[in-house]
C-alpha atoms as a PDB file:
ATOM      1  CA  MET A   1     110.689  60.453  88.418  1.00  0.00           C
ATOM      2  CA  ALA A   2     114.027  59.583  87.132  1.00  0.00           C
ATOM      3  CA  LYS A   3     116.633  62.113  87.890  1.00  0.00           C
ATOM      4  CA  THR A   4     119.368  63.539  85.497  1.00  0.00           C
ATOM      5  CA  GLN A   5     122.617  64.918  86.396  1.00  0.00           C
ATOM      6  CA  LEU A   6     123.454  68.481  85.060  1.00  0.00           C
ATOM      7  CA  GLY A   7     126.825  70.209  85.211  1.00  0.00           C
ATOM      8  CA  ALA A   8     126.985  74.094  84.817  1.00  0.00           C
ATOM      9  CA  ARG A   9     129.842  76.331  85.599  1.00  0.00           C
ATOM     10  CA  VAL A  10     129.020  79.551  87.620  1.00  0.00           C
ATOM     11  CA  ASP A  11     130.936  82.275  89.517  1.00  0.00           C
ATOM     12  CA  GLU A  12     131.999  81.020  92.857  1.00  0.00           C
ATOM     13  CA  ASP A  13     129.901  83.597  94.565  1.00  0.00           C
ATOM     14  CA  ILE A  14     127.028  82.270  92.637  1.00  0.00           C
ATOM     15  CA  ALA A  15     127.460  78.881  93.737  1.00  0.00           C
ATOM     16  CA  ASP A  16     128.095  79.989  97.378  1.00  0.00           C
ATOM     17  CA  LEU A  17     124.838  81.891  97.114  1.00  0.00           C
ATOM     18  CA  ALA A  18     122.801  78.895  95.629  1.00  0.00           C
ATOM     19  CA  LYS A  19     124.201  76.808  98.276  1.00  0.00           C
ATOM     20  CA  LYS A  20     123.024  79.190 101.161  1.00  0.00           C
ATOM     21  CA  ARG A  21     119.671  79.729  99.824  1.00  0.00           C
ATOM     22  CA  ALA A  22     119.258  75.910  99.551  1.00  0.00           C
ATOM     23  CA  ALA A  23     120.250  75.278 103.042  1.00  0.00           C
ATOM     24  CA  ASP A  24     118.144  78.260 104.247  1.00  0.00           C
ATOM     25  CA  LEU A  25     115.156  76.360 102.446  1.00  0.00           C
ATOM     26  CA  GLY A  26     116.044  73.100 103.867  1.00  0.00           C
ATOM     27  CA  LEU A  27     116.530  71.899 100.178  1.00  0.00           C
ATOM     28  CA  SER A  28     119.348  70.291  98.423  1.00  0.00           C
ATOM     29  CA  VAL A  29     121.125  72.411  95.694  1.00  0.00           C
ATOM     30  CA  GLY A  30     119.578  70.350  92.879  1.00  0.00           C
ATOM     31  CA  ASP A  31     116.071  70.655  94.494  1.00  0.00           C
ATOM     32  CA  TYR A  32     116.461  74.437  94.934  1.00  0.00           C
ATOM     33  CA  LEU A  33     117.575  74.554  91.263  1.00  0.00           C
ATOM     34  CA  ALA A  34     114.722  72.403  90.203  1.00  0.00           C
ATOM     35  CA  ARG A  35     112.356  74.876  92.035  1.00  0.00           C
ATOM     36  CA  LEU A  36     113.743  77.874  90.326  1.00  0.00           C
ATOM     37  CA  VAL A  37     113.327  76.458  87.126  1.00  0.00           C
ATOM     38  CA  GLN A  38     109.684  75.403  87.654  1.00  0.00           C
ATOM     39  CA  ASP A  39     108.863  78.798  89.255  1.00  0.00           C
ATOM     40  CA  ASP A  40     110.405  80.248  86.063  1.00  0.00           C
ATOM     41  CA  ALA A  41     108.457  78.078  83.477  1.00  0.00           C
ATOM     42  CA  SER A  42     105.342  78.214  85.305  1.00  0.00           C
ATOM     43  CA  GLY A  43     105.462  82.149  84.969  1.00  0.00           C
ATOM     44  CA  LEU A  44     105.411  82.375  88.824  1.00  0.00           C
ATOM     45  CA  ARG A  45     108.631  84.565  88.672  1.00  0.00           C
ATOM     46  CA  ALA A  46     107.188  86.883  86.101  1.00  0.00           C
ATOM     47  CA  ARG A  47     103.909  87.354  87.933  1.00  0.00           C
ATOM     48  CA  ALA A  48     105.703  88.148  91.221  1.00  0.00           C
ATOM     49  CA  VAL A  49     107.896  90.849  89.406  1.00  0.00           C
ATOM     50  CA  GLU A  50     104.769  92.361  87.633  1.00  0.00           C
ATOM     51  CA  ALA A  51     103.032  92.334  90.954  1.00  0.00           C
ATOM     52  CA  ALA A  52     105.805  94.123  92.819  1.00  0.00           C
ATOM     53  CA  GLY A  53     105.700  96.651  89.954  1.00  0.00           C
ATOM     54  CA  ARG A  54     102.205  97.347  90.199  1.00  0.00           C
ATOM     55  CA  PHE A  55     102.818  97.894  93.847  1.00  0.00           C
ATOM     56  CA  LEU A  56     105.586 100.190  93.674  1.00  0.00           C
ATOM     57  CA  ALA A  57     103.506 102.220  90.922  1.00  0.00           C
ATOM     58  CA  GLU A  58     100.656 102.304  92.939  1.00  0.00           C
ATOM     59  CA  HIS A  59     102.557 103.522  96.184  1.00  0.00           C
ATOM     60  CA  GLN A  60     105.362 105.605  94.680  1.00  0.00           C
ATOM     61  CA  ALA A  61     104.120 108.719  96.342  1.00  0.00           C
ATOM     62  CA  ILE A  62     104.437 107.360  99.640  1.00  0.00           C
ATOM     63  CA  PHE A  63     108.027 106.247  99.123  1.00  0.00           C
ATOM     64  CA  ASP A  64     109.053 109.521  97.591  1.00  0.00           C
ATOM     65  CA  GLU A  65     107.396 111.339 100.661  1.00  0.00           C
ATOM     66  CA  ALA A  66     109.344 109.221 103.201  1.00  0.00           C
ATOM     67  CA  GLU A  67     112.449 109.799 101.251  1.00  0.00           C
ATOM     68  CA  GLU A  68     112.085 113.373 101.303  1.00  0.00           C
ATOM     69  CA  GLY A  69     111.431 113.293 104.805  1.00  0.00           C
ATOM     70  CA  ALA A  70     114.362 111.394 105.740  1.00  0.00           C
ATOM     71  CA  GLU A  71     116.583 113.742 103.594  1.00  0.00           C
ATOM     72  CA  GLY A  72     115.132 116.569 105.194  1.00  0.00           C
ATOM     73  CA  ALA A  73     115.622 115.253 108.613  1.00  0.00           C
ATOM     74  CA  GLY A  74     119.256 114.600 107.696  1.00  0.00           C
ATOM     75  CA  GLN A  75     119.798 118.340 106.509  1.00  0.00           C
ATOM     76  CA  GLY A  76     118.313 119.804 109.429  1.00  0.00           C
ATOM     77  CA  GLN A  77     120.619 117.803 111.756  1.00  0.00           C
ATOM     78  CA  ALA A  78     123.522 118.758 109.887  1.00  0.00           C
ATOM     79  CA  ALA A  79     122.858 122.322 110.284  1.00  0.00           C
ATOM     80  CA  GLY A  80     123.725 122.406 113.913  1.00  0.00           C
ATOM     81  CA  GLY A  81     120.825 120.389 114.901  1.00  0.00           C
ATOM     82  CA  ALA A  82     118.408 122.926 114.393  1.00  0.00           C
ATOM     83  CA  ARG A  83     115.029 122.132 112.419  1.00  0.00           C
ATOM     84  CA  ALA A  84     112.621 124.400 110.829  1.00  0.00           C
ATOM     85  CA  ALA A  85     109.298 124.434 112.633  1.00  0.00           C
END
């Protein structure tokens, strides 16, 4: 397939991030961007976001419990290290 050159202006931190992610995946920046566009156009990204949302909705109580436990542990230590039994 013939390649077409595109030009885009992005913030320097976005460009650096794109270069780093491409390198992490062993891809050129162009191939990395092409993959992102293909994933977006195929709906893969949307399906992944929906799946993450469903996972969080199904397990939110567990996350809430863990967060409350972590907050409670931090408060017990702040009060002289004594914990309620």
